[in-house]
Amino acid sequence: AVRQLVEQATVLVGSDRHLSYFPNHPAQRIVLKDLTQTLSQLLPYLPSPPSPPSPPPPLPLPEIVILTSGDPLFFGLGRLLLEQFPAAWLTFHPHVSSVQLAFSRVKLPWQDARVISGHGRSLDELMRTLQQGCETIAVLTDGTNTP
């Protein structure tokens, strides 16, 4: 079903890697780098957001698909999109998150795990969590805050 949504898209947004999965797709392509810049490139395709308490209009006519990995509502782009657009305009189709996959591979239950993002952020929360003696911690990293 998600593949079908991508195939119907008139605008594809994603990293170079994600867009490379669809080399022959005829949609307008927007490379996702800086979120503010990308959102400004999307504005011509979107209706003006409604003023409360008016209900939001139906989804915009152009089918905009934003490609991301894992679960966009788990330390992902979803939270930022919800800050910018009415929830009624957005539909999320999550996949396995990196944290879910990591715990599965090491065969460790993770319902009590503390999940911390060091991706583009300070590691202060990780330091506090280690000092508290938390037994199971997952840390999302980036090129600066590496394992």
C-alpha atoms as a PDB file:
ATOM      1  CA  ALA A   1       0.000   0.000   0.000  1.00  0.00           C
ATOM      2  CA  VAL A   2       2.824   2.404   0.826  1.00  0.00           C
ATOM      3  CA  ARG A   3       4.616   1.602  -2.416  1.00  0.00           C
ATOM      4  CA  GLN A   4       1.404   2.490  -4.263  1.00  0.00           C
ATOM      5  CA  LEU A   5       1.265   5.869  -2.475  1.00  0.00           C
ATOM      6  CA  VAL A   6       4.837   6.558  -3.533  1.00  0.00           C
ATOM      7  CA  GLU A   7       4.062   5.607  -7.117  1.00  0.00           C
ATOM      8  CA  GLN A   8       1.122   8.073  -7.164  1.00  0.00           C
ATOM      9  CA  ALA A   9       3.161  10.925  -5.699  1.00  0.00           C
ATOM     10  CA  THR A  10       3.491  14.114  -7.691  1.00  0.00           C
ATOM     11  CA  VAL A  11       6.152  15.436  -5.295  1.00  0.00           C
ATOM     12  CA  LEU A  12       8.809  13.229  -3.659  1.00  0.00           C
ATOM     13  CA  VAL A  13      10.814  14.597  -0.736  1.00  0.00           C
ATOM     14  CA  GLY A  14      13.715  12.761   0.831  1.00  0.00           C
ATOM     15  CA  SER A  15      17.436  12.461   1.293  1.00  0.00           C
ATOM     16  CA  ASP A  16      19.574  11.678  -1.724  1.00  0.00           C
ATOM     17  CA  ARG A  17      19.667   8.070  -0.526  1.00  0.00           C
ATOM     18  CA  HIS A  18      15.886   7.764  -0.228  1.00  0.00           C
ATOM     19  CA  LEU A  19      15.253   9.452  -3.570  1.00  0.00           C
ATOM     20  CA  SER A  20      17.761   7.113  -5.216  1.00  0.00           C
ATOM     21  CA  TYR A  21      15.394   4.208  -4.485  1.00  0.00           C
ATOM     22  CA  PHE A  22      13.074   5.672  -7.146  1.00  0.00           C
ATOM     23  CA  PRO A  23      15.414   6.714  -9.987  1.00  0.00           C
ATOM     24  CA  ASN A  24      12.739   6.674 -12.701  1.00  0.00           C
ATOM     25  CA  HIS A  25       9.909   8.245 -10.715  1.00  0.00           C
ATOM     26  CA  PRO A  26       8.381  11.141 -12.689  1.00  0.00           C
ATOM     27  CA  ALA A  27       7.521  13.256  -9.620  1.00  0.00           C
ATOM     28  CA  GLN A  28       9.017  16.621  -8.802  1.00  0.00           C
ATOM     29  CA  ARG A  29      11.918  15.868  -6.407  1.00  0.00           C
ATOM     30  CA  ILE A  30      12.937  17.899  -3.399  1.00  0.00           C
ATOM     31  CA  VAL A  31      16.103  16.882  -1.579  1.00  0.00           C
ATOM     32  CA  LEU A  32      15.591  16.985   2.180  1.00  0.00           C
ATOM     33  CA  LYS A  33      18.537  18.703   3.807  1.00  0.00           C
ATOM     34  CA  ASP A  34      17.593  21.681   5.953  1.00  0.00           C
ATOM     35  CA  LEU A  35      13.979  21.324   7.104  1.00  0.00           C
ATOM     36  CA  THR A  36      13.203  25.051   6.949  1.00  0.00           C
ATOM     37  CA  GLN A  37      14.509  25.274   3.384  1.00  0.00           C
ATOM     38  CA  THR A  38      12.618  22.128   2.355  1.00  0.00           C
ATOM     39  CA  LEU A  39       9.367  23.428   3.841  1.00  0.00           C
ATOM     40  CA  SER A  40       9.747  26.668   1.911  1.00  0.00           C
ATOM     41  CA  GLN A  41      10.094  24.608  -1.274  1.00  0.00           C
ATOM     42  CA  LEU A  42       6.855  22.761  -0.396  1.00  0.00           C
ATOM     43  CA  LEU A  43       4.766  25.899   0.214  1.00  0.00           C
ATOM     44  CA  PRO A  44       3.778  26.412  -3.440  1.00  0.00           C
ATOM     45  CA  TYR A  45       2.192  22.941  -3.408  1.00  0.00           C
ATOM     46  CA  LEU A  46       0.131  23.514  -0.236  1.00  0.00           C
ATOM     47  CA  PRO A  47      -3.047  25.415   0.559  1.00  0.00           C
ATOM     48  CA  SER A  48      -2.855  27.971   3.358  1.00  0.00           C
ATOM     49  CA  PRO A  49      -3.357  26.365   6.773  1.00  0.00           C
ATOM     50  CA  PRO A  50      -6.842  26.998   8.189  1.00  0.00           C
ATOM     51  CA  SER A  51      -7.472  29.382  11.047  1.00  0.00           C
ATOM     52  CA  PRO A  52      -8.904  27.705  14.142  1.00  0.00           C
ATOM     53  CA  PRO A  53     -11.652  26.697  14.710  1.00  0.00           C
ATOM     54  CA  SER A  54     -12.154  26.020  11.003  1.00  0.00           C
ATOM     55  CA  PRO A  55     -11.586  22.396  10.062  1.00  0.00           C
ATOM     56  CA  PRO A  56      -8.581  21.830   7.848  1.00  0.00           C
ATOM     57  CA  PRO A  57      -9.281  21.397   4.161  1.00  0.00           C
ATOM     58  CA  PRO A  58      -8.867  17.968   2.621  1.00  0.00           C
ATOM     59  CA  LEU A  59      -5.355  16.859   1.765  1.00  0.00           C
ATOM     60  CA  PRO A  60      -3.778  18.991  -0.941  1.00  0.00           C
ATOM     61  CA  LEU A  61      -4.278  17.832  -4.510  1.00  0.00           C
ATOM     62  CA  PRO A  62      -0.601  17.182  -5.204  1.00  0.00           C
ATOM     63  CA  GLU A  63       0.317  13.939  -3.542  1.00  0.00           C
ATOM     64  CA  ILE A  64       3.389  14.846  -1.532  1.00  0.00           C
ATOM     65  CA  VAL A  65       5.348  11.918  -0.127  1.00  0.00           C
ATOM     66  CA  ILE A  66       8.185  12.499   2.327  1.00  0.00           C
ATOM     67  CA  LEU A  67      10.502   9.509   2.515  1.00  0.00           C
ATOM     68  CA  THR A  68      12.223   8.706   5.812  1.00  0.00           C
ATOM     69  CA  SER A  69      13.587   5.621   7.520  1.00  0.00           C
ATOM     70  CA  GLY A  70      12.051   3.799  10.463  1.00  0.00           C
ATOM     71  CA  ASP A  71       9.280   5.409  12.466  1.00  0.00           C
ATOM     72  CA  PRO A  72       8.883   9.142  11.741  1.00  0.00           C
ATOM     73  CA  LEU A  73       7.165   9.668  15.110  1.00  0.00           C
ATOM     74  CA  PHE A  74      10.030   8.102  17.073  1.00  0.00           C
ATOM     75  CA  PHE A  75      12.735  10.788  17.185  1.00  0.00           C
ATOM     76  CA  GLY A  76      11.965  11.395  13.525  1.00  0.00           C
ATOM     77  CA  LEU A  77      10.704  13.973  11.105  1.00  0.00           C
ATOM     78  CA  GLY A  78       7.060  13.367  12.058  1.00  0.00           C
ATOM     79  CA  ARG A  79       7.182  15.561  15.163  1.00  0.00           C
ATOM     80  CA  LEU A  80       8.575  18.470  13.164  1.00  0.00           C
ATOM     81  CA  LEU A  81       5.965  18.034  10.434  1.00  0.00           C
ATOM     82  CA  LEU A  82       3.196  18.050  13.045  1.00  0.00           C
ATOM     83  CA  GLU A  83       4.542  21.366  14.337  1.00  0.00           C
ATOM     84  CA  GLN A  84       4.265  22.874  10.836  1.00  0.00           C
ATOM     85  CA  PHE A  85       1.094  21.361   9.355  1.00  0.00           C
ATOM     86  CA  PRO A  86      -2.393  20.392  10.537  1.00  0.00           C
ATOM     87  CA  ALA A  87      -2.449  16.747  11.606  1.00  0.00           C
ATOM     88  CA  ALA A  88      -5.308  16.115   9.169  1.00  0.00           C
ATOM     89  CA  TRP A  89      -2.902  16.830   6.301  1.00  0.00           C
ATOM     90  CA  LEU A  90      -0.456  14.142   7.426  1.00  0.00           C
ATOM     91  CA  THR A  91      -0.495  10.368   7.298  1.00  0.00           C
ATOM     92  CA  PHE A  92       2.396   8.336   8.673  1.00  0.00           C
ATOM     93  CA  HIS A  93       3.432   4.879   7.552  1.00  0.00           C
ATOM     94  CA  PRO A  94       6.111   3.767  10.024  1.00  0.00           C
ATOM     95  CA  HIS A  95       8.508   0.937   9.472  1.00  0.00           C
ATOM     96  CA  VAL A  96      10.737  -0.841  11.938  1.00  0.00           C
ATOM     97  CA  SER A  97      12.784   1.704  13.897  1.00  0.00           C
ATOM     98  CA  SER A  98      16.524   1.345  14.376  1.00  0.00           C
ATOM     99  CA  VAL A  99      15.989   0.866  18.125  1.00  0.00           C
ATOM    100  CA  GLN A 100      13.414  -1.878  17.598  1.00  0.00           C
ATOM    101  CA  LEU A 101      15.708  -3.605  15.122  1.00  0.00           C
ATOM    102  CA  ALA A 102      18.767  -3.338  17.393  1.00  0.00           C
ATOM    103  CA  PHE A 103      17.006  -4.868  20.404  1.00  0.00           C
ATOM    104  CA  SER A 104      15.593  -7.611  18.199  1.00  0.00           C
ATOM    105  CA  ARG A 105      19.049  -8.474  16.860  1.00  0.00           C
ATOM    106  CA  VAL A 106      20.561  -8.782  20.348  1.00  0.00           C
ATOM    107  CA  LYS A 107      17.427 -10.629  21.526  1.00  0.00           C
ATOM    108  CA  LEU A 108      16.798  -8.286  24.428  1.00  0.00           C
ATOM    109  CA  PRO A 109      13.335  -7.179  25.591  1.00  0.00           C
ATOM    110  CA  TRP A 110      13.158  -3.410  25.553  1.00  0.00           C
ATOM    111  CA  GLN A 111       9.868  -2.422  27.149  1.00  0.00           C
ATOM    112  CA  ASP A 112      11.799  -0.944  30.092  1.00  0.00           C
ATOM    113  CA  ALA A 113      14.596   0.575  28.019  1.00  0.00           C
ATOM    114  CA  ARG A 114      15.425   4.231  28.179  1.00  0.00           C
ATOM    115  CA  VAL A 115      15.755   5.655  24.660  1.00  0.00           C
ATOM    116  CA  ILE A 116      17.939   8.732  24.256  1.00  0.00           C
ATOM    117  CA  SER A 117      18.727  10.695  21.145  1.00  0.00           C
ATOM    118  CA  GLY A 118      22.238  12.021  20.758  1.00  0.00           C
ATOM    119  CA  HIS A 119      21.502  12.794  17.116  1.00  0.00           C
ATOM    120  CA  GLY A 120      22.220  16.496  16.740  1.00  0.00           C
ATOM    121  CA  ARG A 121      21.832  16.963  20.485  1.00  0.00           C
ATOM    122  CA  SER A 122      23.838  17.148  23.671  1.00  0.00           C
ATOM    123  CA  LEU A 123      24.675  13.917  25.495  1.00  0.00           C
ATOM    124  CA  ASP A 124      23.679  15.424  28.863  1.00  0.00           C
ATOM    125  CA  GLU A 125      20.575  13.225  29.063  1.00  0.00           C
ATOM    126  CA  LEU A 126      22.722  10.135  28.483  1.00  0.00           C
ATOM    127  CA  MET A 127      25.089  11.184  31.278  1.00  0.00           C
ATOM    128  CA  ARG A 128      22.155  11.670  33.690  1.00  0.00           C
ATOM    129  CA  THR A 129      20.695   8.299  32.696  1.00  0.00           C
ATOM    130  CA  LEU A 130      24.025   6.521  33.260  1.00  0.00           C
ATOM    131  CA  GLN A 131      24.364   8.211  36.661  1.00  0.00           C
ATOM    132  CA  GLN A 132      20.882   6.978  37.590  1.00  0.00           C
ATOM    133  CA  GLY A 133      22.009   3.400  36.927  1.00  0.00           C
ATOM    134  CA  CYS A 134      19.500   2.613  34.195  1.00  0.00           C
ATOM    135  CA  GLU A 135      20.171  -0.958  33.064  1.00  0.00           C
ATOM    136  CA  THR A 136      18.888  -0.829  29.487  1.00  0.00           C
ATOM    137  CA  ILE A 137      19.629   2.190  27.338  1.00  0.00           C
ATOM    138  CA  ALA A 138      19.377   2.760  23.598  1.00  0.00           C
ATOM    139  CA  VAL A 139      21.236   5.748  22.204  1.00  0.00           C
ATOM    140  CA  LEU A 140      20.557   7.173  18.765  1.00  0.00           C
ATOM    141  CA  THR A 141      23.792   8.586  17.377  1.00  0.00           C
ATOM    142  CA  ASP A 142      25.073  10.751  14.532  1.00  0.00           C
ATOM    143  CA  GLY A 143      28.394  11.561  12.887  1.00  0.00           C
ATOM    144  CA  THR A 144      29.486  13.662  15.876  1.00  0.00           C
ATOM    145  CA  ASN A 145      28.050  11.600  18.746  1.00  0.00           C
ATOM    146  CA  THR A 146      29.176   8.192  17.554  1.00  0.00           C
ATOM    147  CA  PRO A 147      29.209   4.895  19.457  1.00  0.00           C
END
